[in-house]
Amino acid sequence: MKLYSGPLSLFSRKVEIALAEKGLAYEREMVPFTQAAGYSPRHPAVLAANPKAQVPVLVDGEQTLFDSTLIFEYLEDAYPEPALFPQGAAARADCRGIELAADEILLPLVARLMYRTEPADPDPVRQGQIEADGLKAEAAITEYYRTMDERLIGQEYFCDKFSVADIAMFMTILFANRLGAPSISNFVVLDQWFSRVKARPSAGKAAEEIAEADRQLSPT
């Protein structure tokens, strides 16, 4: 099994955590990345496998897959133990919904803070608009955290036991923290959940490697 990953790829790190949780051995190839050029030029294996030309790409024998959600589903079918989805159609749908929300509701808000890692716009008016939009995103992130905090009351994890929902939400909040989003420390239940997930070797390793990539890739 081989995984094409990226040092700051949230979606690749999701897959790495799942592979670790399932105890699956794999070869990892980190696709070259720089802050200036991103992933350009694109890795030929990634270009060949993914029409979006993005990592992660997982190769398992004759099967080649892209997109972290699709890979989650494949791994659960091909290697069902230990499970990363709950039992039952309703519970599994709920789990999928949380993973989707992390990727498609919370992450787009977080992405509006990415200007903080980029050079300022030379036009002060445009820069002001970007910063104002970032403040709106922060308010929406805070409200989303409140919703997640309430959902977790009385639960260790989002879907009774550790699942793909926790992996996805953990990674999105980790990236939010990197970009200076509002702290989750004001939401005690959510904060405790985040610490609980980060204490797992799989998630802790991903967080440590991202922090090290940040140090290596930051301008000197």
N, C-alpha and C. Protein backbone atom coordinates (compact mmCIF):
# COMPACT_ATOMS: atom_id res chain seq x y z
N MET A 1 0.85 -1.19 0.00
CA MET A 1 0.00 0.00 0.00
C MET A 1 0.89 1.24 0.00
N LYS A 2 0.52 2.23 -0.82
CA LYS A 2 1.31 3.45 -0.90
C LYS A 2 0.39 4.66 -0.84
N LEU A 3 0.81 5.67 -0.09
CA LEU A 3 0.05 6.91 0.03
C LEU A 3 0.89 8.07 -0.44
N TYR A 4 0.35 8.83 -1.39
CA TYR A 4 0.96 10.10 -1.77
C TYR A 4 0.33 11.16 -0.89
N SER A 5 1.16 11.83 -0.11
CA SER A 5 0.70 12.76 0.90
C SER A 5 1.37 14.11 0.69
N GLY A 6 1.04 15.07 1.54
CA GLY A 6 1.65 16.39 1.48
C GLY A 6 1.86 16.92 2.88
N PRO A 7 2.95 17.65 3.12
CA PRO A 7 3.28 18.07 4.49
C PRO A 7 2.21 18.92 5.15
N LEU A 8 1.50 19.74 4.37
CA LEU A 8 0.46 20.58 4.94
C LEU A 8 -0.91 20.26 4.34
N SER A 9 -1.08 19.03 3.90
CA SER A 9 -2.36 18.61 3.33
C SER A 9 -3.26 18.06 4.43
N LEU A 10 -4.26 18.81 4.79
CA LEU A 10 -5.22 18.38 5.80
C LEU A 10 -5.84 17.04 5.42
N PHE A 11 -6.22 16.89 4.15
CA PHE A 11 -6.92 15.70 3.72
C PHE A 11 -6.00 14.48 3.71
N SER A 12 -4.73 14.69 3.37
CA SER A 12 -3.78 13.58 3.45
C SER A 12 -3.59 13.13 4.88
N ARG A 13 -3.51 14.07 5.78
CA ARG A 13 -3.31 13.72 7.19
C ARG A 13 -4.51 12.97 7.75
N LYS A 14 -5.71 13.28 7.27
CA LYS A 14 -6.88 12.50 7.65
C LYS A 14 -6.67 11.03 7.32
N VAL A 15 -6.19 10.77 6.12
CA VAL A 15 -5.98 9.39 5.69
C VAL A 15 -4.86 8.73 6.50
N GLU A 16 -3.81 9.47 6.78
CA GLU A 16 -2.72 8.92 7.58
C GLU A 16 -3.21 8.48 8.96
N ILE A 17 -4.07 9.29 9.56
CA ILE A 17 -4.62 8.93 10.87
C ILE A 17 -5.45 7.65 10.76
N ALA A 18 -6.29 7.56 9.74
CA ALA A 18 -7.12 6.36 9.56
C ALA A 18 -6.26 5.12 9.36
N LEU A 19 -5.22 5.22 8.54
CA LEU A 19 -4.33 4.08 8.30
C LEU A 19 -3.66 3.64 9.61
N ALA A 20 -3.23 4.62 10.40
CA ALA A 20 -2.59 4.30 11.68
C ALA A 20 -3.58 3.64 12.64
N GLU A 21 -4.80 4.16 12.69
CA GLU A 21 -5.80 3.59 13.59
C GLU A 21 -6.13 2.15 13.20
N LYS A 22 -6.09 1.85 11.92
CA LYS A 22 -6.38 0.49 11.46
C LYS A 22 -5.14 -0.41 11.48
N GLY A 23 -4.00 0.16 11.84
CA GLY A 23 -2.79 -0.64 11.94
C GLY A 23 -2.29 -1.15 10.60
N LEU A 24 -2.52 -0.37 9.54
CA LEU A 24 -2.14 -0.80 8.20
C LEU A 24 -0.76 -0.25 7.83
N ALA A 25 0.10 -1.12 7.37
CA ALA A 25 1.44 -0.71 6.92
C ALA A 25 1.33 -0.11 5.53
N TYR A 26 2.07 0.96 5.32
CA TYR A 26 2.04 1.61 4.00
C TYR A 26 3.33 2.40 3.79
N GLU A 27 3.64 2.61 2.53
CA GLU A 27 4.75 3.48 2.16
C GLU A 27 4.19 4.88 1.91
N ARG A 28 4.80 5.87 2.49
CA ARG A 28 4.34 7.26 2.29
C ARG A 28 5.34 8.00 1.43
N GLU A 29 4.84 8.65 0.38
CA GLU A 29 5.68 9.54 -0.42
C GLU A 29 5.14 10.95 -0.27
N MET A 30 5.96 11.82 0.31
CA MET A 30 5.58 13.21 0.46
C MET A 30 5.80 13.94 -0.86
N VAL A 31 4.75 14.49 -1.39
CA VAL A 31 4.84 15.23 -2.64
C VAL A 31 5.52 16.57 -2.36
N PRO A 32 6.50 16.97 -3.18
CA PRO A 32 7.19 18.23 -2.93
C PRO A 32 6.24 19.42 -2.82
N PHE A 33 6.54 20.29 -1.85
CA PHE A 33 5.69 21.45 -1.59
C PHE A 33 6.56 22.60 -1.10
N THR A 34 6.27 23.81 -1.59
CA THR A 34 6.89 25.02 -1.06
C THR A 34 5.80 26.07 -0.85
N GLN A 35 6.07 27.02 0.03
CA GLN A 35 5.09 28.07 0.28
C GLN A 35 4.92 28.94 -0.97
N ALA A 36 5.97 29.11 -1.73
CA ALA A 36 5.90 29.99 -2.90
C ALA A 36 5.14 29.34 -4.05
N ALA A 37 5.40 28.07 -4.31
CA ALA A 37 4.82 27.41 -5.50
C ALA A 37 3.76 26.39 -5.16
N GLY A 38 3.52 26.13 -3.87
CA GLY A 38 2.57 25.11 -3.50
C GLY A 38 3.05 23.75 -3.97
N TYR A 39 2.15 22.98 -4.62
CA TYR A 39 2.49 21.65 -5.10
C TYR A 39 2.91 21.64 -6.56
N SER A 40 3.15 22.81 -7.14
CA SER A 40 3.58 22.90 -8.53
C SER A 40 5.10 22.75 -8.63
N PRO A 41 5.58 22.01 -9.64
CA PRO A 41 4.81 21.23 -10.63
C PRO A 41 4.20 20.00 -9.97
N ARG A 42 3.03 19.62 -10.45
CA ARG A 42 2.30 18.51 -9.86
C ARG A 42 3.05 17.19 -10.05
N HIS A 43 2.97 16.35 -9.02
CA HIS A 43 3.61 15.04 -9.08
C HIS A 43 2.93 14.20 -10.16
N PRO A 44 3.69 13.54 -11.06
CA PRO A 44 3.09 12.80 -12.17
C PRO A 44 2.14 11.69 -11.72
N ALA A 45 2.47 11.00 -10.62
CA ALA A 45 1.59 9.93 -10.15
C ALA A 45 0.26 10.48 -9.67
N VAL A 46 0.30 11.67 -9.03
CA VAL A 46 -0.93 12.31 -8.56
C VAL A 46 -1.75 12.80 -9.74
N LEU A 47 -1.08 13.37 -10.72
CA LEU A 47 -1.77 13.82 -11.94
C LEU A 47 -2.47 12.66 -12.64
N ALA A 48 -1.82 11.53 -12.69
CA ALA A 48 -2.38 10.38 -13.38
C ALA A 48 -3.57 9.78 -12.64
N ALA A 49 -3.56 9.89 -11.31
CA ALA A 49 -4.58 9.21 -10.51
C ALA A 49 -5.79 10.08 -10.20
N ASN A 50 -5.58 11.39 -10.07
CA ASN A 50 -6.63 12.27 -9.56
C ASN A 50 -6.91 13.38 -10.56
N PRO A 51 -8.13 13.46 -11.11
CA PRO A 51 -8.45 14.54 -12.05
C PRO A 51 -8.29 15.93 -11.44
N LYS A 52 -8.36 16.02 -10.11
CA LYS A 52 -8.16 17.30 -9.43
C LYS A 52 -6.69 17.58 -9.14
N ALA A 53 -5.83 16.60 -9.44
CA ALA A 53 -4.37 16.75 -9.27
C ALA A 53 -3.99 17.10 -7.84
N GLN A 54 -4.67 16.48 -6.89
CA GLN A 54 -4.44 16.77 -5.48
C GLN A 54 -4.13 15.50 -4.71
N VAL A 55 -3.34 15.64 -3.65
CA VAL A 55 -3.20 14.56 -2.67
C VAL A 55 -4.37 14.69 -1.68
N PRO A 56 -4.74 13.55 -1.06
CA PRO A 56 -4.08 12.26 -1.04
C PRO A 56 -4.47 11.37 -2.21
N VAL A 57 -3.54 10.49 -2.56
CA VAL A 57 -3.81 9.39 -3.48
C VAL A 57 -3.32 8.13 -2.80
N LEU A 58 -4.19 7.12 -2.72
CA LEU A 58 -3.84 5.85 -2.08
C LEU A 58 -3.83 4.76 -3.14
N VAL A 59 -2.74 4.00 -3.16
CA VAL A 59 -2.62 2.86 -4.07
C VAL A 59 -2.57 1.60 -3.20
N ASP A 60 -3.54 0.73 -3.41
CA ASP A 60 -3.60 -0.54 -2.67
C ASP A 60 -3.73 -1.67 -3.69
N GLY A 61 -2.60 -2.28 -4.04
CA GLY A 61 -2.62 -3.30 -5.06
C GLY A 61 -3.02 -2.71 -6.40
N GLU A 62 -4.10 -3.24 -6.97
CA GLU A 62 -4.59 -2.75 -8.25
C GLU A 62 -5.54 -1.55 -8.10
N GLN A 63 -5.87 -1.22 -6.86
CA GLN A 63 -6.84 -0.15 -6.61
C GLN A 63 -6.13 1.17 -6.33
N THR A 64 -6.51 2.22 -7.05
CA THR A 64 -5.98 3.56 -6.83
C THR A 64 -7.15 4.49 -6.53
N LEU A 65 -7.06 5.22 -5.42
CA LEU A 65 -8.16 6.08 -4.99
C LEU A 65 -7.65 7.47 -4.64
N PHE A 66 -8.54 8.46 -4.77
CA PHE A 66 -8.25 9.80 -4.30
C PHE A 66 -9.47 10.31 -3.54
N ASP A 67 -9.28 11.40 -2.81
CA ASP A 67 -10.30 12.03 -1.97
C ASP A 67 -10.38 11.30 -0.64
N SER A 68 -10.17 12.04 0.44
CA SER A 68 -10.09 11.42 1.77
C SER A 68 -11.38 10.71 2.16
N THR A 69 -12.53 11.25 1.79
CA THR A 69 -13.79 10.61 2.15
C THR A 69 -13.94 9.27 1.44
N LEU A 70 -13.63 9.24 0.16
CA LEU A 70 -13.69 8.00 -0.60
C LEU A 70 -12.72 6.98 -0.03
N ILE A 71 -11.54 7.43 0.35
CA ILE A 71 -10.54 6.53 0.92
C ILE A 71 -11.02 5.98 2.26
N PHE A 72 -11.64 6.82 3.09
CA PHE A 72 -12.23 6.34 4.33
C PHE A 72 -13.18 5.17 4.07
N GLU A 73 -14.08 5.37 3.11
CA GLU A 73 -15.08 4.35 2.79
C GLU A 73 -14.41 3.07 2.31
N TYR A 74 -13.41 3.21 1.46
CA TYR A 74 -12.70 2.03 0.94
C TYR A 74 -12.01 1.28 2.08
N LEU A 75 -11.29 1.98 2.92
CA LEU A 75 -10.57 1.32 4.01
C LEU A 75 -11.53 0.59 4.93
N GLU A 76 -12.69 1.16 5.17
CA GLU A 76 -13.65 0.51 6.06
C GLU A 76 -14.19 -0.78 5.43
N ASP A 77 -14.40 -0.75 4.13
CA ASP A 77 -14.88 -1.95 3.44
C ASP A 77 -13.80 -3.02 3.32
N ALA A 78 -12.59 -2.58 2.96
CA ALA A 78 -11.50 -3.53 2.71
C ALA A 78 -10.85 -4.04 3.99
N TYR A 79 -10.82 -3.18 5.02
CA TYR A 79 -10.15 -3.53 6.29
C TYR A 79 -11.08 -3.11 7.44
N PRO A 80 -12.13 -3.87 7.67
CA PRO A 80 -13.19 -3.42 8.58
C PRO A 80 -12.82 -3.36 10.06
N GLU A 81 -11.74 -4.01 10.45
CA GLU A 81 -11.36 -4.00 11.87
C GLU A 81 -10.00 -3.36 12.07
N PRO A 82 -9.88 -2.47 13.06
CA PRO A 82 -10.95 -1.91 13.88
C PRO A 82 -11.81 -0.93 13.09
N ALA A 83 -13.06 -0.87 13.39
CA ALA A 83 -14.00 -0.04 12.65
C ALA A 83 -13.79 1.44 12.95
N LEU A 84 -13.95 2.26 11.91
CA LEU A 84 -13.92 3.71 12.08
C LEU A 84 -15.25 4.33 11.72
N PHE A 85 -16.26 3.49 11.57
CA PHE A 85 -17.64 3.92 11.41
C PHE A 85 -18.48 3.17 12.44
N PRO A 86 -19.54 3.78 12.95
CA PRO A 86 -20.42 3.07 13.88
C PRO A 86 -21.28 2.05 13.15
N GLN A 87 -21.98 1.21 13.93
CA GLN A 87 -22.88 0.22 13.36
C GLN A 87 -24.26 0.84 13.13
N GLY A 88 -24.94 0.39 12.08
CA GLY A 88 -26.30 0.84 11.82
C GLY A 88 -26.34 1.97 10.81
N ALA A 89 -27.35 1.92 9.94
CA ALA A 89 -27.45 2.89 8.85
C ALA A 89 -27.58 4.32 9.36
N ALA A 90 -28.42 4.53 10.38
CA ALA A 90 -28.64 5.89 10.88
C ALA A 90 -27.38 6.44 11.52
N ALA A 91 -26.72 5.62 12.34
CA ALA A 91 -25.49 6.07 13.01
C ALA A 91 -24.38 6.35 12.01
N ARG A 92 -24.28 5.52 10.98
CA ARG A 92 -23.24 5.73 9.98
C ARG A 92 -23.53 6.99 9.16
N ALA A 93 -24.80 7.23 8.86
CA ALA A 93 -25.15 8.45 8.14
C ALA A 93 -24.82 9.68 8.97
N ASP A 94 -25.08 9.61 10.27
CA ASP A 94 -24.77 10.72 11.17
C ASP A 94 -23.26 10.98 11.20
N CYS A 95 -22.49 9.91 11.25
CA CYS A 95 -21.04 10.01 11.26
C CYS A 95 -20.53 10.64 9.96
N ARG A 96 -21.07 10.19 8.85
CA ARG A 96 -20.69 10.77 7.56
C ARG A 96 -21.05 12.25 7.51
N GLY A 97 -22.18 12.60 8.09
CA GLY A 97 -22.60 14.00 8.09
C GLY A 97 -21.64 14.90 8.84
N ILE A 98 -21.09 14.42 9.94
CA ILE A 98 -20.13 15.22 10.71
C ILE A 98 -18.83 15.37 9.94
N GLU A 99 -18.39 14.27 9.31
CA GLU A 99 -17.18 14.38 8.48
C GLU A 99 -17.38 15.39 7.35
N LEU A 100 -18.54 15.31 6.70
CA LEU A 100 -18.84 16.25 5.63
C LEU A 100 -18.88 17.69 6.15
N ALA A 101 -19.45 17.89 7.32
CA ALA A 101 -19.53 19.23 7.88
C ALA A 101 -18.15 19.80 8.18
N ALA A 102 -17.24 18.95 8.66
CA ALA A 102 -15.87 19.40 8.92
C ALA A 102 -15.21 19.88 7.64
N ASP A 103 -15.43 19.14 6.54
CA ASP A 103 -14.78 19.44 5.27
C ASP A 103 -15.47 20.56 4.50
N GLU A 104 -16.79 20.64 4.59
CA GLU A 104 -17.52 21.51 3.67
C GLU A 104 -18.29 22.65 4.34
N ILE A 105 -18.35 22.66 5.67
CA ILE A 105 -18.99 23.78 6.37
C ILE A 105 -17.95 24.54 7.19
N LEU A 106 -17.24 23.82 8.07
CA LEU A 106 -16.26 24.51 8.91
C LEU A 106 -15.01 24.90 8.12
N LEU A 107 -14.49 24.00 7.29
CA LEU A 107 -13.24 24.29 6.58
C LEU A 107 -13.34 25.52 5.67
N PRO A 108 -14.43 25.74 4.92
CA PRO A 108 -14.50 26.96 4.12
C PRO A 108 -14.42 28.23 4.96
N LEU A 109 -14.93 28.18 6.18
CA LEU A 109 -14.79 29.34 7.08
C LEU A 109 -13.33 29.52 7.48
N VAL A 110 -12.69 28.41 7.80
CA VAL A 110 -11.27 28.46 8.18
C VAL A 110 -10.42 28.97 7.02
N ALA A 111 -10.77 28.56 5.80
CA ALA A 111 -10.00 28.96 4.62
C ALA A 111 -10.00 30.48 4.43
N ARG A 112 -11.02 31.15 4.94
CA ARG A 112 -11.09 32.60 4.81
C ARG A 112 -10.08 33.31 5.72
N LEU A 113 -9.37 32.54 6.54
CA LEU A 113 -8.31 33.10 7.38
C LEU A 113 -6.92 32.84 6.80
N MET A 114 -6.86 32.18 5.65
CA MET A 114 -5.56 31.83 5.08
C MET A 114 -4.76 33.04 4.63
N TYR A 115 -5.41 34.19 4.49
CA TYR A 115 -4.68 35.40 4.12
C TYR A 115 -3.60 35.72 5.15
N ARG A 116 -3.74 35.20 6.36
CA ARG A 116 -2.77 35.48 7.42
C ARG A 116 -1.43 34.82 7.16
N THR A 117 -1.38 33.86 6.27
CA THR A 117 -0.12 33.21 5.93
C THR A 117 0.42 33.69 4.59
N GLU A 118 -0.23 34.68 4.01
CA GLU A 118 0.15 35.17 2.68
C GLU A 118 0.56 36.63 2.75
N PRO A 119 1.32 37.10 1.77
CA PRO A 119 1.68 38.53 1.75
C PRO A 119 0.42 39.40 1.68
N ALA A 120 0.48 40.56 2.29
CA ALA A 120 -0.66 41.47 2.26
C ALA A 120 -0.92 41.95 0.84
N ASP A 121 -2.20 42.20 0.53
CA ASP A 121 -2.56 42.75 -0.78
C ASP A 121 -2.00 44.16 -0.88
N PRO A 122 -1.35 44.49 -1.97
CA PRO A 122 -0.77 45.84 -2.10
C PRO A 122 -1.83 46.94 -2.09
N ASP A 123 -3.06 46.59 -2.42
CA ASP A 123 -4.15 47.57 -2.38
C ASP A 123 -4.75 47.57 -0.98
N PRO A 124 -4.58 48.67 -0.22
CA PRO A 124 -5.07 48.69 1.17
C PRO A 124 -6.58 48.51 1.28
N VAL A 125 -7.32 48.92 0.26
CA VAL A 125 -8.77 48.74 0.30
C VAL A 125 -9.11 47.25 0.23
N ARG A 126 -8.49 46.56 -0.73
CA ARG A 126 -8.73 45.11 -0.85
C ARG A 126 -8.27 44.38 0.41
N GLN A 127 -7.13 44.78 0.95
CA GLN A 127 -6.63 44.14 2.16
C GLN A 127 -7.61 44.35 3.31
N GLY A 128 -8.17 45.52 3.40
CA GLY A 128 -9.17 45.79 4.44
C GLY A 128 -10.40 44.92 4.27
N GLN A 129 -10.82 44.71 3.03
CA GLN A 129 -11.97 43.84 2.77
C GLN A 129 -11.67 42.40 3.16
N ILE A 130 -10.45 41.95 2.86
CA ILE A 130 -10.04 40.59 3.21
C ILE A 130 -10.06 40.41 4.73
N GLU A 131 -9.54 41.40 5.44
CA GLU A 131 -9.49 41.30 6.89
C GLU A 131 -10.89 41.38 7.50
N ALA A 132 -11.75 42.18 6.92
CA ALA A 132 -13.13 42.27 7.42
C ALA A 132 -13.85 40.94 7.21
N ASP A 133 -13.61 40.32 6.07
CA ASP A 133 -14.21 39.01 5.81
C ASP A 133 -13.68 37.98 6.80
N GLY A 134 -12.41 38.10 7.16
CA GLY A 134 -11.84 37.20 8.15
C GLY A 134 -12.51 37.33 9.50
N LEU A 135 -12.85 38.55 9.89
CA LEU A 135 -13.55 38.76 11.16
C LEU A 135 -14.94 38.12 11.13
N LYS A 136 -15.63 38.22 10.00
CA LYS A 136 -16.93 37.56 9.87
C LYS A 136 -16.79 36.05 9.97
N ALA A 137 -15.73 35.53 9.33
CA ALA A 137 -15.49 34.09 9.40
C ALA A 137 -15.22 33.67 10.84
N GLU A 138 -14.46 34.46 11.58
CA GLU A 138 -14.18 34.13 12.97
C GLU A 138 -15.47 34.05 13.80
N ALA A 139 -16.38 34.97 13.57
CA ALA A 139 -17.65 34.94 14.30
C ALA A 139 -18.42 33.66 13.98
N ALA A 140 -18.43 33.28 12.70
CA ALA A 140 -19.14 32.07 12.30
C ALA A 140 -18.46 30.82 12.86
N ILE A 141 -17.14 30.82 12.91
CA ILE A 141 -16.41 29.70 13.49
C ILE A 141 -16.76 29.54 14.97
N THR A 142 -16.81 30.66 15.67
CA THR A 142 -17.16 30.61 17.10
C THR A 142 -18.53 30.00 17.31
N GLU A 143 -19.49 30.39 16.50
CA GLU A 143 -20.84 29.83 16.62
C GLU A 143 -20.84 28.34 16.28
N TYR A 144 -20.05 27.94 15.31
CA TYR A 144 -19.98 26.53 14.97
C TYR A 144 -19.36 25.73 16.12
N TYR A 145 -18.34 26.28 16.74
CA TYR A 145 -17.74 25.62 17.90
C TYR A 145 -18.78 25.43 19.00
N ARG A 146 -19.62 26.42 19.19
CA ARG A 146 -20.65 26.32 20.21
C ARG A 146 -21.59 25.14 19.93
N THR A 147 -21.94 24.98 18.66
CA THR A 147 -22.80 23.87 18.27
C THR A 147 -22.12 22.53 18.52
N MET A 148 -20.85 22.42 18.16
CA MET A 148 -20.11 21.18 18.37
C MET A 148 -19.92 20.89 19.86
N ASP A 149 -19.70 21.91 20.64
CA ASP A 149 -19.55 21.76 22.08
C ASP A 149 -20.82 21.17 22.69
N GLU A 150 -21.95 21.68 22.28
CA GLU A 150 -23.23 21.18 22.80
C GLU A 150 -23.48 19.75 22.36
N ARG A 151 -23.10 19.44 21.14
CA ARG A 151 -23.32 18.09 20.63
C ARG A 151 -22.51 17.06 21.41
N LEU A 152 -21.34 17.43 21.87
CA LEU A 152 -20.45 16.49 22.54
C LEU A 152 -20.77 16.28 24.01
N ILE A 153 -21.69 17.01 24.56
CA ILE A 153 -22.01 16.87 25.98
C ILE A 153 -22.39 15.42 26.29
N GLY A 154 -21.71 14.85 27.25
CA GLY A 154 -21.97 13.48 27.66
C GLY A 154 -21.36 12.42 26.77
N GLN A 155 -20.52 12.82 25.79
CA GLN A 155 -19.91 11.86 24.86
C GLN A 155 -18.40 12.04 24.83
N GLU A 156 -17.67 10.95 24.70
CA GLU A 156 -16.23 11.03 24.51
C GLU A 156 -15.88 11.43 23.09
N TYR A 157 -16.66 10.90 22.14
CA TYR A 157 -16.42 11.16 20.72
C TYR A 157 -17.74 11.48 20.04
N PHE A 158 -17.67 11.94 18.81
CA PHE A 158 -18.89 12.38 18.13
C PHE A 158 -19.86 11.24 17.84
N CYS A 159 -19.35 10.05 17.60
CA CYS A 159 -20.22 8.93 17.21
C CYS A 159 -20.04 7.75 18.16
N ASP A 160 -20.11 8.01 19.44
CA ASP A 160 -19.98 7.01 20.51
C ASP A 160 -18.55 6.53 20.68
N LYS A 161 -17.92 6.08 19.61
CA LYS A 161 -16.51 5.70 19.70
C LYS A 161 -15.74 6.46 18.62
N PHE A 162 -14.43 6.43 18.72
CA PHE A 162 -13.59 7.16 17.78
C PHE A 162 -13.90 6.75 16.35
N SER A 163 -14.06 7.75 15.47
CA SER A 163 -14.51 7.47 14.11
C SER A 163 -13.94 8.49 13.13
N VAL A 164 -14.31 8.32 11.87
CA VAL A 164 -13.89 9.27 10.85
C VAL A 164 -14.41 10.67 11.13
N ALA A 165 -15.52 10.77 11.85
CA ALA A 165 -16.04 12.09 12.21
C ALA A 165 -15.04 12.83 13.10
N ASP A 166 -14.46 12.13 14.04
CA ASP A 166 -13.47 12.75 14.94
C ASP A 166 -12.20 13.11 14.18
N ILE A 167 -11.79 12.24 13.27
CA ILE A 167 -10.58 12.52 12.48
C ILE A 167 -10.76 13.81 11.69
N ALA A 168 -11.88 13.92 10.98
CA ALA A 168 -12.11 15.09 10.13
C ALA A 168 -12.24 16.37 10.94
N MET A 169 -13.01 16.33 12.02
CA MET A 169 -13.21 17.54 12.81
C MET A 169 -11.93 17.95 13.52
N PHE A 170 -11.16 16.97 13.99
CA PHE A 170 -9.88 17.27 14.63
C PHE A 170 -8.95 18.00 13.67
N MET A 171 -8.83 17.49 12.45
CA MET A 171 -7.91 18.09 11.50
C MET A 171 -8.35 19.50 11.13
N THR A 172 -9.64 19.73 10.96
CA THR A 172 -10.09 21.07 10.59
C THR A 172 -9.85 22.06 11.72
N ILE A 173 -10.12 21.65 12.94
CA ILE A 173 -9.87 22.55 14.08
C ILE A 173 -8.38 22.78 14.26
N LEU A 174 -7.57 21.75 14.03
CA LEU A 174 -6.11 21.93 14.11
C LEU A 174 -5.65 22.99 13.12
N PHE A 175 -6.18 22.97 11.90
CA PHE A 175 -5.81 23.97 10.91
C PHE A 175 -6.37 25.34 11.28
N ALA A 176 -7.53 25.36 11.89
CA ALA A 176 -8.08 26.64 12.37
C ALA A 176 -7.14 27.25 13.41
N ASN A 177 -6.64 26.42 14.31
CA ASN A 177 -5.71 26.91 15.33
C ASN A 177 -4.44 27.47 14.69
N ARG A 178 -3.95 26.80 13.63
CA ARG A 178 -2.75 27.26 12.94
C ARG A 178 -2.94 28.66 12.37
N LEU A 179 -4.16 28.99 11.98
CA LEU A 179 -4.44 30.27 11.33
C LEU A 179 -4.94 31.32 12.32
N GLY A 180 -4.86 31.03 13.60
CA GLY A 180 -5.25 32.03 14.60
C GLY A 180 -6.75 32.21 14.72
N ALA A 181 -7.51 31.16 14.45
CA ALA A 181 -8.97 31.23 14.62
C ALA A 181 -9.30 31.36 16.11
N PRO A 182 -10.53 31.70 16.44
CA PRO A 182 -10.91 31.78 17.85
C PRO A 182 -10.58 30.49 18.60
N SER A 183 -10.13 30.63 19.81
CA SER A 183 -9.72 29.47 20.60
C SER A 183 -10.92 28.62 21.00
N ILE A 184 -10.70 27.30 21.05
CA ILE A 184 -11.75 26.42 21.55
C ILE A 184 -11.72 26.32 23.07
N SER A 185 -10.77 27.00 23.71
CA SER A 185 -10.65 26.89 25.17
C SER A 185 -11.88 27.41 25.90
N ASN A 186 -12.67 28.27 25.23
CA ASN A 186 -13.90 28.77 25.86
C ASN A 186 -15.02 27.75 25.81
N PHE A 187 -14.81 26.65 25.10
CA PHE A 187 -15.82 25.60 24.98
C PHE A 187 -15.24 24.33 25.61
N VAL A 188 -15.55 24.15 26.88
CA VAL A 188 -14.86 23.15 27.69
C VAL A 188 -14.99 21.74 27.13
N VAL A 189 -16.19 21.36 26.75
CA VAL A 189 -16.40 20.00 26.26
C VAL A 189 -15.65 19.77 24.95
N LEU A 190 -15.74 20.73 24.03
CA LEU A 190 -15.03 20.63 22.76
C LEU A 190 -13.53 20.62 22.98
N ASP A 191 -13.04 21.43 23.89
CA ASP A 191 -11.61 21.50 24.19
C ASP A 191 -11.12 20.18 24.76
N GLN A 192 -11.89 19.58 25.65
CA GLN A 192 -11.50 18.29 26.22
C GLN A 192 -11.50 17.20 25.15
N TRP A 193 -12.50 17.25 24.26
CA TRP A 193 -12.52 16.29 23.16
C TRP A 193 -11.28 16.43 22.28
N PHE A 194 -10.91 17.67 21.95
CA PHE A 194 -9.75 17.91 21.09
C PHE A 194 -8.49 17.34 21.75
N SER A 195 -8.32 17.57 23.03
CA SER A 195 -7.15 17.04 23.75
C SER A 195 -7.17 15.52 23.76
N ARG A 196 -8.36 14.94 23.89
CA ARG A 196 -8.50 13.49 23.91
C ARG A 196 -8.07 12.88 22.57
N VAL A 197 -8.50 13.51 21.48
CA VAL A 197 -8.12 13.01 20.16
C VAL A 197 -6.61 13.20 19.94
N LYS A 198 -6.11 14.36 20.30
CA LYS A 198 -4.69 14.64 20.08
C LYS A 198 -3.79 13.70 20.87
N ALA A 199 -4.30 13.16 21.97
CA ALA A 199 -3.52 12.23 22.78
C ALA A 199 -3.39 10.86 22.13
N ARG A 200 -4.22 10.58 21.13
CA ARG A 200 -4.08 9.32 20.40
C ARG A 200 -2.80 9.38 19.58
N PRO A 201 -1.99 8.33 19.55
CA PRO A 201 -0.73 8.37 18.80
C PRO A 201 -0.90 8.77 17.34
N SER A 202 -1.97 8.32 16.70
CA SER A 202 -2.18 8.62 15.28
C SER A 202 -2.36 10.11 15.04
N ALA A 203 -3.22 10.73 15.83
CA ALA A 203 -3.50 12.16 15.66
C ALA A 203 -2.35 13.00 16.18
N GLY A 204 -1.74 12.57 17.29
CA GLY A 204 -0.62 13.32 17.83
C GLY A 204 0.55 13.39 16.86
N LYS A 205 0.81 12.28 16.18
CA LYS A 205 1.90 12.26 15.20
C LYS A 205 1.60 13.22 14.05
N ALA A 206 0.37 13.21 13.55
CA ALA A 206 0.00 14.12 12.47
C ALA A 206 0.18 15.57 12.89
N ALA A 207 -0.26 15.90 14.11
CA ALA A 207 -0.13 17.27 14.60
C ALA A 207 1.33 17.68 14.73
N GLU A 208 2.16 16.77 15.23
CA GLU A 208 3.59 17.08 15.39
C GLU A 208 4.26 17.29 14.04
N GLU A 209 3.93 16.46 13.06
CA GLU A 209 4.56 16.58 11.75
C GLU A 209 4.12 17.87 11.04
N ILE A 210 2.88 18.26 11.24
CA ILE A 210 2.41 19.52 10.64
C ILE A 210 3.14 20.70 11.28
N ALA A 211 3.31 20.66 12.60
CA ALA A 211 4.04 21.73 13.29
C ALA A 211 5.48 21.81 12.80
N GLU A 212 6.10 20.65 12.58
CA GLU A 212 7.48 20.64 12.08
C GLU A 212 7.53 21.16 10.64
N ALA A 213 6.55 20.80 9.82
CA ALA A 213 6.50 21.31 8.45
C ALA A 213 6.34 22.83 8.46
N ASP A 214 5.53 23.34 9.36
CA ASP A 214 5.37 24.79 9.47
C ASP A 214 6.71 25.47 9.77
N ARG A 215 7.47 24.85 10.68
CA ARG A 215 8.77 25.43 11.05
C ARG A 215 9.72 25.40 9.86
N GLN A 216 9.72 24.31 9.12
CA GLN A 216 10.66 24.17 8.01
C GLN A 216 10.28 25.04 6.82
N LEU A 217 8.98 25.25 6.62
CA LEU A 217 8.51 25.97 5.44
C LEU A 217 8.34 27.47 5.68
N SER A 218 8.40 27.89 6.94
CA SER A 218 8.20 29.31 7.23
C SER A 218 9.40 30.10 6.73
N PRO A 219 9.16 31.35 6.24
CA PRO A 219 10.28 32.18 5.76
C PRO A 219 11.27 32.45 6.89
N THR A 220 12.55 32.46 6.56
CA THR A 220 13.58 32.74 7.57
C THR A 220 13.85 34.22 7.64
